[in-house]
Amino acid sequence: MNKEGFSLLEVLIALVVFAIVSVGAYTLLNQSLFMENYARNRFNLVLASTGFIYLNWDYPPDTTVGFKEIESGGIDSYKVDKTPLGFHNIVKVNWVFKKGSTEIEYVFYY
């Protein structure tokens, strides 16, 4: 007896395999989109913060404790801590910038 086509069991097995592969592909795609968004936000914050540091390096730090809200392109808030180390007049400067949930910190010694 020669039958043409697929049996119901073969079709169901193929659908299950396709569903498993689709879930895996969706998970990979979702994770790659999340990482692309995270990297873009971090890169934009790096660009904005380096320009901000360049323009404001010589000004004394704000005496406000915690983060200071600003409206600068690409930065929501920042804080600066200057700490003298007491060794050959070396000063440690921490700059921390936030944009949404992304945060970046720079540490300089001069």
PDB file of N, CA and C in Angstrom:
ATOM      1  N   MET A   1       0.837  -1.163   0.000  1.00  0.00           N
ATOM      2  CA  MET A   1       0.000   0.000   0.000  1.00  0.00           C
ATOM      3  C   MET A   1       0.898   1.248   0.000  1.00  0.00           C
ATOM      4  N   ASN A   2       0.830   2.080  -0.995  1.00  0.00           N
ATOM      5  CA  ASN A   2       1.661   3.272  -1.142  1.00  0.00           C
ATOM      6  C   ASN A   2       0.793   4.501  -0.883  1.00  0.00           C
ATOM      7  N   LYS A   3       1.121   5.237   0.230  1.00  0.00           N
ATOM      8  CA  LYS A   3       0.354   6.438   0.567  1.00  0.00           C
ATOM      9  C   LYS A   3       1.125   7.679   0.150  1.00  0.00           C
ATOM     10  N   GLU A   4       0.411   8.706  -0.226  1.00  0.00           N
ATOM     11  CA  GLU A   4       1.022   9.994  -0.542  1.00  0.00           C
ATOM     12  C   GLU A   4       0.799  10.931   0.629  1.00  0.00           C
ATOM     13  N   GLY A   5       1.793  11.830   0.927  1.00  0.00           N
ATOM     14  CA  GLY A   5       1.632  12.832   1.976  1.00  0.00           C
ATOM     15  C   GLY A   5       2.189  12.372   3.314  1.00  0.00           C
ATOM     16  N   PHE A   6       1.925  13.178   4.328  1.00  0.00           N
ATOM     17  CA  PHE A   6       2.443  12.934   5.662  1.00  0.00           C
ATOM     18  C   PHE A   6       1.311  12.530   6.593  1.00  0.00           C
ATOM     19  N   SER A   7       1.660  11.740   7.586  1.00  0.00           N
ATOM     20  CA  SER A   7       0.655  11.367   8.582  1.00  0.00           C
ATOM     21  C   SER A   7       0.508  12.507   9.593  1.00  0.00           C
ATOM     22  N   LEU A   8      -0.540  12.473  10.372  1.00  0.00           N
ATOM     23  CA  LEU A   8      -0.790  13.494  11.385  1.00  0.00           C
ATOM     24  C   LEU A   8       0.331  13.522  12.416  1.00  0.00           C
ATOM     25  N   LEU A   9       0.842  12.386  12.786  1.00  0.00           N
ATOM     26  CA  LEU A   9       1.926  12.306  13.772  1.00  0.00           C
ATOM     27  C   LEU A   9       3.192  12.986  13.247  1.00  0.00           C
ATOM     28  N   GLU A  10       3.521  12.779  11.998  1.00  0.00           N
ATOM     29  CA  GLU A  10       4.704  13.417  11.406  1.00  0.00           C
ATOM     30  C   GLU A  10       4.559  14.942  11.380  1.00  0.00           C
ATOM     31  N   VAL A  11       3.377  15.424  11.069  1.00  0.00           N
ATOM     32  CA  VAL A  11       3.126  16.870  11.041  1.00  0.00           C
ATOM     33  C   VAL A  11       3.245  17.453  12.444  1.00  0.00           C
ATOM     34  N   LEU A  12       2.695  16.771  13.447  1.00  0.00           N
ATOM     35  CA  LEU A  12       2.779  17.254  14.834  1.00  0.00           C
ATOM     36  C   LEU A  12       4.229  17.286  15.323  1.00  0.00           C
ATOM     37  N   ILE A  13       4.999  16.282  15.005  1.00  0.00           N
ATOM     38  CA  ILE A  13       6.414  16.264  15.400  1.00  0.00           C
ATOM     39  C   ILE A  13       7.159  17.409  14.731  1.00  0.00           C
ATOM     40  N   ALA A  14       6.896  17.657  13.467  1.00  0.00           N
ATOM     41  CA  ALA A  14       7.544  18.767  12.761  1.00  0.00           C
ATOM     42  C   ALA A  14       7.162  20.109  13.391  1.00  0.00           C
ATOM     43  N   LEU A  15       5.900  20.268  13.793  1.00  0.00           N
ATOM     44  CA  LEU A  15       5.469  21.511  14.443  1.00  0.00           C
ATOM     45  C   LEU A  15       6.146  21.709  15.800  1.00  0.00           C
ATOM     46  N   VAL A  16       6.311  20.641  16.551  1.00  0.00           N
ATOM     47  CA  VAL A  16       6.990  20.739  17.853  1.00  0.00           C
ATOM     48  C   VAL A  16       8.450  21.136  17.649  1.00  0.00           C
ATOM     49  N   VAL A  17       9.130  20.520  16.705  1.00  0.00           N
ATOM     50  CA  VAL A  17      10.528  20.872  16.429  1.00  0.00           C
ATOM     51  C   VAL A  17      10.624  22.319  15.972  1.00  0.00           C
ATOM     52  N   PHE A  18       9.714  22.747  15.098  1.00  0.00           N
ATOM     53  CA  PHE A  18       9.714  24.132  14.632  1.00  0.00           C
ATOM     54  C   PHE A  18       9.478  25.104  15.789  1.00  0.00           C
ATOM     55  N   ALA A  19       8.576  24.771  16.705  1.00  0.00           N
ATOM     56  CA  ALA A  19       8.293  25.635  17.851  1.00  0.00           C
ATOM     57  C   ALA A  19       9.524  25.769  18.748  1.00  0.00           C
ATOM     58  N   ILE A  20      10.231  24.669  18.991  1.00  0.00           N
ATOM     59  CA  ILE A  20      11.427  24.713  19.838  1.00  0.00           C
ATOM     60  C   ILE A  20      12.508  25.577  19.193  1.00  0.00           C
ATOM     61  N   VAL A  21      12.720  25.410  17.902  1.00  0.00           N
ATOM     62  CA  VAL A  21      13.717  26.226  17.192  1.00  0.00           C
ATOM     63  C   VAL A  21      13.298  27.688  17.187  1.00  0.00           C
ATOM     64  N   SER A  22      12.019  27.964  17.015  1.00  0.00           N
ATOM     65  CA  SER A  22      11.531  29.351  17.000  1.00  0.00           C
ATOM     66  C   SER A  22      11.721  30.031  18.344  1.00  0.00           C
ATOM     67  N   VAL A  23      11.469  29.327  19.434  1.00  0.00           N
ATOM     68  CA  VAL A  23      11.667  29.910  20.767  1.00  0.00           C
ATOM     69  C   VAL A  23      13.142  30.236  20.980  1.00  0.00           C
ATOM     70  N   GLY A  24      14.027  29.360  20.569  1.00  0.00           N
ATOM     71  CA  GLY A  24      15.462  29.631  20.684  1.00  0.00           C
ATOM     72  C   GLY A  24      15.895  30.835  19.865  1.00  0.00           C
ATOM     73  N   ALA A  25      15.389  30.926  18.633  1.00  0.00           N
ATOM     74  CA  ALA A  25      15.736  32.060  17.774  1.00  0.00           C
ATOM     75  C   ALA A  25      15.188  33.360  18.350  1.00  0.00           C
ATOM     76  N   TYR A  26      13.965  33.322  18.881  1.00  0.00           N
ATOM     77  CA  TYR A  26      13.376  34.521  19.488  1.00  0.00           C
ATOM     78  C   TYR A  26      14.195  34.978  20.697  1.00  0.00           C
ATOM     79  N   THR A  27      14.624  34.044  21.524  1.00  0.00           N
ATOM     80  CA  THR A  27      15.434  34.387  22.698  1.00  0.00           C
ATOM     81  C   THR A  27      16.744  35.043  22.286  1.00  0.00           C
ATOM     82  N   LEU A  28      17.409  34.492  21.285  1.00  0.00           N
ATOM     83  CA  LEU A  28      18.657  35.090  20.805  1.00  0.00           C
ATOM     84  C   LEU A  28      18.432  36.480  20.221  1.00  0.00           C
ATOM     85  N   LEU A  29      17.384  36.644  19.451  1.00  0.00           N
ATOM     86  CA  LEU A  29      17.083  37.946  18.859  1.00  0.00           C
ATOM     87  C   LEU A  29      16.758  38.975  19.934  1.00  0.00           C
ATOM     88  N   ASN A  30      15.963  38.599  20.915  1.00  0.00           N
ATOM     89  CA  ASN A  30      15.586  39.504  21.996  1.00  0.00           C
ATOM     90  C   ASN A  30      16.824  39.932  22.799  1.00  0.00           C
ATOM     91  N   GLN A  31      17.706  38.998  23.103  1.00  0.00           N
ATOM     92  CA  GLN A  31      18.921  39.321  23.853  1.00  0.00           C
ATOM     93  C   GLN A  31      19.846  40.226  23.030  1.00  0.00           C
ATOM     94  N   SER A  32      19.960  39.979  21.740  1.00  0.00           N
ATOM     95  CA  SER A  32      20.830  40.827  20.914  1.00  0.00           C
ATOM     96  C   SER A  32      20.271  42.244  20.801  1.00  0.00           C
ATOM     97  N   LEU A  33      18.954  42.393  20.722  1.00  0.00           N
ATOM     98  CA  LEU A  33      18.357  43.733  20.681  1.00  0.00           C
ATOM     99  C   LEU A  33      18.567  44.465  22.009  1.00  0.00           C
ATOM    100  N   PHE A  34      18.461  43.758  23.121  1.00  0.00           N
ATOM    101  CA  PHE A  34      18.708  44.357  24.425  1.00  0.00           C
ATOM    102  C   PHE A  34      20.159  44.832  24.541  1.00  0.00           C
ATOM    103  N   MET A  35      21.099  43.998  24.130  1.00  0.00           N
ATOM    104  CA  MET A  35      22.515  44.373  24.214  1.00  0.00           C
ATOM    105  C   MET A  35      22.849  45.523  23.270  1.00  0.00           C
ATOM    106  N   GLU A  36      22.214  45.572  22.095  1.00  0.00           N
ATOM    107  CA  GLU A  36      22.441  46.676  21.173  1.00  0.00           C
ATOM    108  C   GLU A  36      21.952  47.981  21.780  1.00  0.00           C
ATOM    109  N   ASN A  37      20.807  47.957  22.415  1.00  0.00           N
ATOM    110  CA  ASN A  37      20.255  49.150  23.058  1.00  0.00           C
ATOM    111  C   ASN A  37      21.137  49.584  24.235  1.00  0.00           C
ATOM    112  N   TYR A  38      21.591  48.628  25.037  1.00  0.00           N
ATOM    113  CA  TYR A  38      22.473  48.929  26.165  1.00  0.00           C
ATOM    114  C   TYR A  38      23.782  49.554  25.677  1.00  0.00           C
ATOM    115  N   ALA A  39      24.380  48.971  24.643  1.00  0.00           N
ATOM    116  CA  ALA A  39      25.644  49.493  24.115  1.00  0.00           C
ATOM    117  C   ALA A  39      25.469  50.893  23.528  1.00  0.00           C
ATOM    118  N   ARG A  40      24.353  51.127  22.820  1.00  0.00           N
ATOM    119  CA  ARG A  40      24.108  52.451  22.252  1.00  0.00           C
ATOM    120  C   ARG A  40      23.949  53.504  23.353  1.00  0.00           C
ATOM    121  N   ASN A  41      23.172  53.175  24.396  1.00  0.00           N
ATOM    122  CA  ASN A  41      22.984  54.117  25.501  1.00  0.00           C
ATOM    123  C   ASN A  41      24.299  54.416  26.206  1.00  0.00           C
ATOM    124  N   ARG A  42      25.104  53.404  26.428  1.00  0.00           N
ATOM    125  CA  ARG A  42      26.394  53.596  27.107  1.00  0.00           C
ATOM    126  C   ARG A  42      27.342  54.423  26.236  1.00  0.00           C
ATOM    127  N   PHE A  43      27.372  54.151  24.949  1.00  0.00           N
ATOM    128  CA  PHE A  43      28.228  54.897  24.039  1.00  0.00           C
ATOM    129  C   PHE A  43      27.824  56.366  23.998  1.00  0.00           C
ATOM    130  N   ASN A  44      26.520  56.644  23.911  1.00  0.00           N
ATOM    131  CA  ASN A  44      26.054  58.028  23.903  1.00  0.00           C
ATOM    132  C   ASN A  44      26.384  58.736  25.209  1.00  0.00           C
ATOM    133  N   LEU A  45      26.300  58.022  26.325  1.00  0.00           N
ATOM    134  CA  LEU A  45      26.656  58.616  27.613  1.00  0.00           C
ATOM    135  C   LEU A  45      28.152  58.907  27.687  1.00  0.00           C
ATOM    136  N   VAL A  46      28.969  58.031  27.134  1.00  0.00           N
ATOM    137  CA  VAL A  46      30.423  58.278  27.097  1.00  0.00           C
ATOM    138  C   VAL A  46      30.725  59.524  26.280  1.00  0.00           C
ATOM    139  N   LEU A  47      30.104  59.666  25.124  1.00  0.00           N
ATOM    140  CA  LEU A  47      30.339  60.851  24.292  1.00  0.00           C
ATOM    141  C   LEU A  47      29.924  62.137  25.013  1.00  0.00           C
ATOM    142  N   ALA A  48      28.741  62.120  25.616  1.00  0.00           N
ATOM    143  CA  ALA A  48      28.247  63.315  26.296  1.00  0.00           C
ATOM    144  C   ALA A  48      29.082  63.638  27.528  1.00  0.00           C
ATOM    145  N   SER A  49      29.479  62.623  28.279  1.00  0.00           N
ATOM    146  CA  SER A  49      30.205  62.872  29.531  1.00  0.00           C
ATOM    147  C   SER A  49      31.632  63.350  29.290  1.00  0.00           C
ATOM    148  N   THR A  50      32.293  62.841  28.265  1.00  0.00           N
ATOM    149  CA  THR A  50      33.654  63.322  28.005  1.00  0.00           C
ATOM    150  C   THR A  50      33.647  64.792  27.607  1.00  0.00           C
ATOM    151  N   GLY A  51      32.655  65.203  26.821  1.00  0.00           N
ATOM    152  CA  GLY A  51      32.533  66.620  26.484  1.00  0.00           C
ATOM    153  C   GLY A  51      32.237  67.468  27.710  1.00  0.00           C
ATOM    154  N   PHE A  52      31.397  66.959  28.588  1.00  0.00           N
ATOM    155  CA  PHE A  52      31.054  67.682  29.810  1.00  0.00           C
ATOM    156  C   PHE A  52      32.278  67.820  30.720  1.00  0.00           C
ATOM    157  N   ILE A  53      33.058  66.760  30.851  1.00  0.00           N
ATOM    158  CA  ILE A  53      34.286  66.821  31.663  1.00  0.00           C
ATOM    159  C   ILE A  53      35.249  67.843  31.070  1.00  0.00           C
ATOM    160  N   TYR A  54      35.410  67.824  29.767  1.00  0.00           N
ATOM    161  CA  TYR A  54      36.321  68.756  29.107  1.00  0.00           C
ATOM    162  C   TYR A  54      35.931  70.201  29.385  1.00  0.00           C
ATOM    163  N   LEU A  55      34.636  70.495  29.338  1.00  0.00           N
ATOM    164  CA  LEU A  55      34.176  71.877  29.541  1.00  0.00           C
ATOM    165  C   LEU A  55      34.175  72.311  31.004  1.00  0.00           C
ATOM    166  N   ASN A  56      34.069  71.371  31.940  1.00  0.00           N
ATOM    167  CA  ASN A  56      33.901  71.716  33.350  1.00  0.00           C
ATOM    168  C   ASN A  56      35.033  71.241  34.243  1.00  0.00           C
ATOM    169  N   TRP A  57      36.157  70.872  33.688  1.00  0.00           N
ATOM    170  CA  TRP A  57      37.256  70.322  34.477  1.00  0.00           C
ATOM    171  C   TRP A  57      37.781  71.302  35.525  1.00  0.00           C
ATOM    172  N   ASP A  58      37.930  72.548  35.179  1.00  0.00           N
ATOM    173  CA  ASP A  58      38.570  73.516  36.076  1.00  0.00           C
ATOM    174  C   ASP A  58      37.636  74.113  37.112  1.00  0.00           C
ATOM    175  N   TYR A  59      36.337  73.891  36.994  1.00  0.00           N
ATOM    176  CA  TYR A  59      35.405  74.455  37.963  1.00  0.00           C
ATOM    177  C   TYR A  59      35.412  73.620  39.244  1.00  0.00           C
ATOM    178  N   PRO A  60      35.256  74.281  40.402  1.00  0.00           N
ATOM    179  CA  PRO A  60      35.211  73.501  41.642  1.00  0.00           C
ATOM    180  C   PRO A  60      33.964  72.622  41.662  1.00  0.00           C
ATOM    181  N   PRO A  61      34.032  71.453  42.325  1.00  0.00           N
ATOM    182  CA  PRO A  61      32.860  70.570  42.327  1.00  0.00           C
ATOM    183  C   PRO A  61      31.704  71.180  43.094  1.00  0.00           C
ATOM    184  N   ASP A  62      30.512  70.790  42.726  1.00  0.00           N
ATOM    185  CA  ASP A  62      29.304  71.250  43.405  1.00  0.00           C
ATOM    186  C   ASP A  62      29.299  70.681  44.823  1.00  0.00           C
ATOM    187  N   THR A  63      28.879  71.485  45.786  1.00  0.00           N
ATOM    188  CA  THR A  63      28.874  71.027  47.174  1.00  0.00           C
ATOM    189  C   THR A  63      27.637  70.195  47.498  1.00  0.00           C
ATOM    190  N   THR A  64      26.737  70.026  46.526  1.00  0.00           N
ATOM    191  CA  THR A  64      25.542  69.220  46.744  1.00  0.00           C
ATOM    192  C   THR A  64      25.953  67.766  46.959  1.00  0.00           C
ATOM    193  N   VAL A  65      25.383  67.148  47.987  1.00  0.00           N
ATOM    194  CA  VAL A  65      25.669  65.738  48.235  1.00  0.00           C
ATOM    195  C   VAL A  65      24.822  64.913  47.274  1.00  0.00           C
ATOM    196  N   GLY A  66      25.425  63.950  46.662  1.00  0.00           N
ATOM    197  CA  GLY A  66      24.692  63.107  45.713  1.00  0.00           C
ATOM    198  C   GLY A  66      24.737  63.678  44.312  1.00  0.00           C
ATOM    199  N   PHE A  67      23.801  63.247  43.509  1.00  0.00           N
ATOM    200  CA  PHE A  67      23.788  63.627  42.104  1.00  0.00           C
ATOM    201  C   PHE A  67      23.103  64.966  41.890  1.00  0.00           C
ATOM    202  N   LYS A  68      23.646  65.724  40.948  1.00  0.00           N
ATOM    203  CA  LYS A  68      23.067  67.008  40.568  1.00  0.00           C
ATOM    204  C   LYS A  68      22.377  66.821  39.223  1.00  0.00           C
ATOM    205  N   GLU A  69      21.104  67.184  39.169  1.00  0.00           N
ATOM    206  CA  GLU A  69      20.329  67.078  37.940  1.00  0.00           C
ATOM    207  C   GLU A  69      20.767  68.186  36.974  1.00  0.00           C
ATOM    208  N   ILE A  70      20.972  67.820  35.732  1.00  0.00           N
ATOM    209  CA  ILE A  70      21.322  68.808  34.708  1.00  0.00           C
ATOM    210  C   ILE A  70      20.511  68.521  33.457  1.00  0.00           C
ATOM    211  N   GLU A  71      20.445  69.494  32.609  1.00  0.00           N
ATOM    212  CA  GLU A  71      19.811  69.316  31.306  1.00  0.00           C
ATOM    213  C   GLU A  71      20.870  69.544  30.243  1.00  0.00           C
ATOM    214  N   SER A  72      21.727  68.566  30.119  1.00  0.00           N
ATOM    215  CA  SER A  72      22.781  68.624  29.127  1.00  0.00           C
ATOM    216  C   SER A  72      22.532  67.488  28.141  1.00  0.00           C
ATOM    217  N   GLY A  73      22.914  67.693  26.922  1.00  0.00           N
ATOM    218  CA  GLY A  73      22.657  66.687  25.903  1.00  0.00           C
ATOM    219  C   GLY A  73      23.186  65.321  26.267  1.00  0.00           C
ATOM    220  N   GLY A  74      22.306  64.397  26.558  1.00  0.00           N
ATOM    221  CA  GLY A  74      22.706  63.025  26.816  1.00  0.00           C
ATOM    222  C   GLY A  74      23.019  62.692  28.259  1.00  0.00           C
ATOM    223  N   ILE A  75      22.886  63.635  29.195  1.00  0.00           N
ATOM    224  CA  ILE A  75      23.187  63.376  30.605  1.00  0.00           C
ATOM    225  C   ILE A  75      21.990  63.815  31.442  1.00  0.00           C
ATOM    226  N   ASP A  76      21.558  62.947  32.355  1.00  0.00           N
ATOM    227  CA  ASP A  76      20.475  63.306  33.277  1.00  0.00           C
ATOM    228  C   ASP A  76      21.015  63.918  34.562  1.00  0.00           C
ATOM    229  N   SER A  77      22.083  63.323  35.109  1.00  0.00           N
ATOM    230  CA  SER A  77      22.645  63.820  36.359  1.00  0.00           C
ATOM    231  C   SER A  77      24.118  63.415  36.454  1.00  0.00           C
ATOM    232  N   TYR A  78      24.834  64.116  37.347  1.00  0.00           N
ATOM    233  CA  TYR A  78      26.244  63.811  37.546  1.00  0.00           C
ATOM    234  C   TYR A  78      26.641  64.174  38.967  1.00  0.00           C
ATOM    235  N   LYS A  79      27.783  63.644  39.380  1.00  0.00           N
ATOM    236  CA  LYS A  79      28.384  64.089  40.632  1.00  0.00           C
ATOM    237  C   LYS A  79      29.899  64.024  40.484  1.00  0.00           C
ATOM    238  N   VAL A  80      30.566  64.897  41.230  1.00  0.00           N
ATOM    239  CA  VAL A  80      32.016  64.989  41.202  1.00  0.00           C
ATOM    240  C   VAL A  80      32.512  64.929  42.637  1.00  0.00           C
ATOM    241  N   ASP A  81      33.501  64.102  42.887  1.00  0.00           N
ATOM    242  CA  ASP A  81      34.161  64.040  44.191  1.00  0.00           C
ATOM    243  C   ASP A  81      35.649  64.247  43.974  1.00  0.00           C
ATOM    244  N   LYS A  82      36.203  65.314  44.593  1.00  0.00           N
ATOM    245  CA  LYS A  82      37.645  65.556  44.536  1.00  0.00           C
ATOM    246  C   LYS A  82      38.202  65.275  45.918  1.00  0.00           C
ATOM    247  N   THR A  83      39.154  64.351  45.984  1.00  0.00           N
ATOM    248  CA  THR A  83      39.732  63.940  47.253  1.00  0.00           C
ATOM    249  C   THR A  83      41.245  64.102  47.202  1.00  0.00           C
ATOM    250  N   PRO A  84      41.821  64.975  48.043  1.00  0.00           N
ATOM    251  CA  PRO A  84      43.282  65.047  48.100  1.00  0.00           C
ATOM    252  C   PRO A  84      43.827  63.780  48.746  1.00  0.00           C
ATOM    253  N   LEU A  85      44.864  63.226  48.159  1.00  0.00           N
ATOM    254  CA  LEU A  85      45.437  61.996  48.691  1.00  0.00           C
ATOM    255  C   LEU A  85      46.520  62.259  49.716  1.00  0.00           C
ATOM    256  N   GLY A  86      46.959  63.510  49.836  1.00  0.00           N
ATOM    257  CA  GLY A  86      47.970  63.850  50.833  1.00  0.00           C
ATOM    258  C   GLY A  86      49.354  63.375  50.469  1.00  0.00           C
ATOM    259  N   PHE A  87      49.581  63.075  49.238  1.00  0.00           N
ATOM    260  CA  PHE A  87      50.883  62.594  48.783  1.00  0.00           C
ATOM    261  C   PHE A  87      51.272  63.386  47.555  1.00  0.00           C
ATOM    262  N   HIS A  88      52.246  64.267  47.696  1.00  0.00           N
ATOM    263  CA  HIS A  88      52.735  65.105  46.592  1.00  0.00           C
ATOM    264  C   HIS A  88      51.614  65.874  45.913  1.00  0.00           C
ATOM    265  N   ASN A  89      50.669  66.346  46.670  1.00  0.00           N
ATOM    266  CA  ASN A  89      49.544  67.146  46.174  1.00  0.00           C
ATOM    267  C   ASN A  89      48.728  66.445  45.089  1.00  0.00           C
ATOM    268  N   ILE A  90      48.672  65.127  45.164  1.00  0.00           N
ATOM    269  CA  ILE A  90      47.873  64.374  44.190  1.00  0.00           C
ATOM    270  C   ILE A  90      46.409  64.399  44.628  1.00  0.00           C
ATOM    271  N   VAL A  91      45.529  64.640  43.650  1.00  0.00           N
ATOM    272  CA  VAL A  91      44.095  64.705  43.919  1.00  0.00           C
ATOM    273  C   VAL A  91      43.400  63.629  43.087  1.00  0.00           C
ATOM    274  N   LYS A  92      42.508  62.888  43.750  1.00  0.00           N
ATOM    275  CA  LYS A  92      41.693  61.883  43.063  1.00  0.00           C
ATOM    276  C   LYS A  92      40.347  62.517  42.740  1.00  0.00           C
ATOM    277  N   VAL A  93      39.939  62.429  41.476  1.00  0.00           N
ATOM    278  CA  VAL A  93      38.687  63.035  41.027  1.00  0.00           C
ATOM    279  C   VAL A  93      37.801  61.934  40.440  1.00  0.00           C
ATOM    280  N   ASN A  94      36.622  61.764  41.025  1.00  0.00           N
ATOM    281  CA  ASN A  94      35.631  60.807  40.515  1.00  0.00           C
ATOM    282  C   ASN A  94      34.502  61.590  39.853  1.00  0.00           C
ATOM    283  N   TRP A  95      34.220  61.280  38.622  1.00  0.00           N
ATOM    284  CA  TRP A  95      33.069  61.823  37.907  1.00  0.00           C
ATOM    285  C   TRP A  95      32.129  60.653  37.645  1.00  0.00           C
ATOM    286  N   VAL A  96      30.872  60.783  38.039  1.00  0.00           N
ATOM    287  CA  VAL A  96      29.872  59.749  37.786  1.00  0.00           C
ATOM    288  C   VAL A  96      28.712  60.402  37.037  1.00  0.00           C
ATOM    289  N   PHE A  97      28.326  59.794  35.935  1.00  0.00           N
ATOM    290  CA  PHE A  97      27.250  60.314  35.086  1.00  0.00           C
ATOM    291  C   PHE A  97      26.152  59.281  34.973  1.00  0.00           C
ATOM    292  N   LYS A  98      24.893  59.769  34.900  1.00  0.00           N
ATOM    293  CA  LYS A  98      23.733  58.896  34.738  1.00  0.00           C
ATOM    294  C   LYS A  98      22.856  59.392  33.600  1.00  0.00           C
ATOM    295  N   LYS A  99      22.339  58.449  32.864  1.00  0.00           N
ATOM    296  CA  LYS A  99      21.321  58.717  31.847  1.00  0.00           C
ATOM    297  C   LYS A  99      20.351  57.543  31.909  1.00  0.00           C
ATOM    298  N   GLY A 100      19.182  57.772  32.489  1.00  0.00           N
ATOM    299  CA  GLY A 100      18.236  56.681  32.673  1.00  0.00           C
ATOM    300  C   GLY A 100      18.805  55.667  33.655  1.00  0.00           C
ATOM    301  N   SER A 101      18.871  54.418  33.246  1.00  0.00           N
ATOM    302  CA  SER A 101      19.429  53.379  34.107  1.00  0.00           C
ATOM    303  C   SER A 101      20.911  53.138  33.835  1.00  0.00           C
ATOM    304  N   THR A 102      21.473  53.846  32.860  1.00  0.00           N
ATOM    305  CA  THR A 102      22.883  53.679  32.508  1.00  0.00           C
ATOM    306  C   THR A 102      23.734  54.616  33.351  1.00  0.00           C
ATOM    307  N   GLU A 103      24.827  54.091  33.878  1.00  0.00           N
ATOM    308  CA  GLU A 103      25.736  54.883  34.709  1.00  0.00           C
ATOM    309  C   GLU A 103      27.169  54.600  34.277  1.00  0.00           C
ATOM    310  N   ILE A 104      27.975  55.651  34.279  1.00  0.00           N
ATOM    311  CA  ILE A 104      29.384  55.503  33.917  1.00  0.00           C
ATOM    312  C   ILE A 104      30.217  56.330  34.878  1.00  0.00           C
ATOM    313  N   GLU A 105      31.394  55.818  35.232  1.00  0.00           N
ATOM    314  CA  GLU A 105      32.255  56.498  36.200  1.00  0.00           C
ATOM    315  C   GLU A 105      33.660  56.641  35.628  1.00  0.00           C
ATOM    316  N   TYR A 106      34.229  57.824  35.852  1.00  0.00           N
ATOM    317  CA  TYR A 106      35.608  58.106  35.481  1.00  0.00           C
ATOM    318  C   TYR A 106      36.387  58.400  36.753  1.00  0.00           C
ATOM    319  N   VAL A 107      37.619  57.924  36.838  1.00  0.00           N
ATOM    320  CA  VAL A 107      38.497  58.230  37.960  1.00  0.00           C
ATOM    321  C   VAL A 107      39.792  58.790  37.378  1.00  0.00           C
ATOM    322  N   PHE A 108      40.137  60.008  37.822  1.00  0.00           N
ATOM    323  CA  PHE A 108      41.358  60.687  37.382  1.00  0.00           C
ATOM    324  C   PHE A 108      42.232  60.983  38.588  1.00  0.00           C
ATOM    325  N   TYR A 109      43.522  60.987  38.376  1.00  0.00           N
ATOM    326  CA  TYR A 109      44.488  61.416  39.372  1.00  0.00           C
ATOM    327  C   TYR A 109      45.327  62.524  38.749  1.00  0.00           C
ATOM    328  N   TYR A 110      45.465  63.634  39.466  1.00  0.00           N
ATOM    329  CA  TYR A 110      46.329  64.692  38.962  1.00  0.00           C
ATOM    330  C   TYR A 110      47.001  65.403  40.100  1.00  0.00           C
TER     331      TYR A 110
END
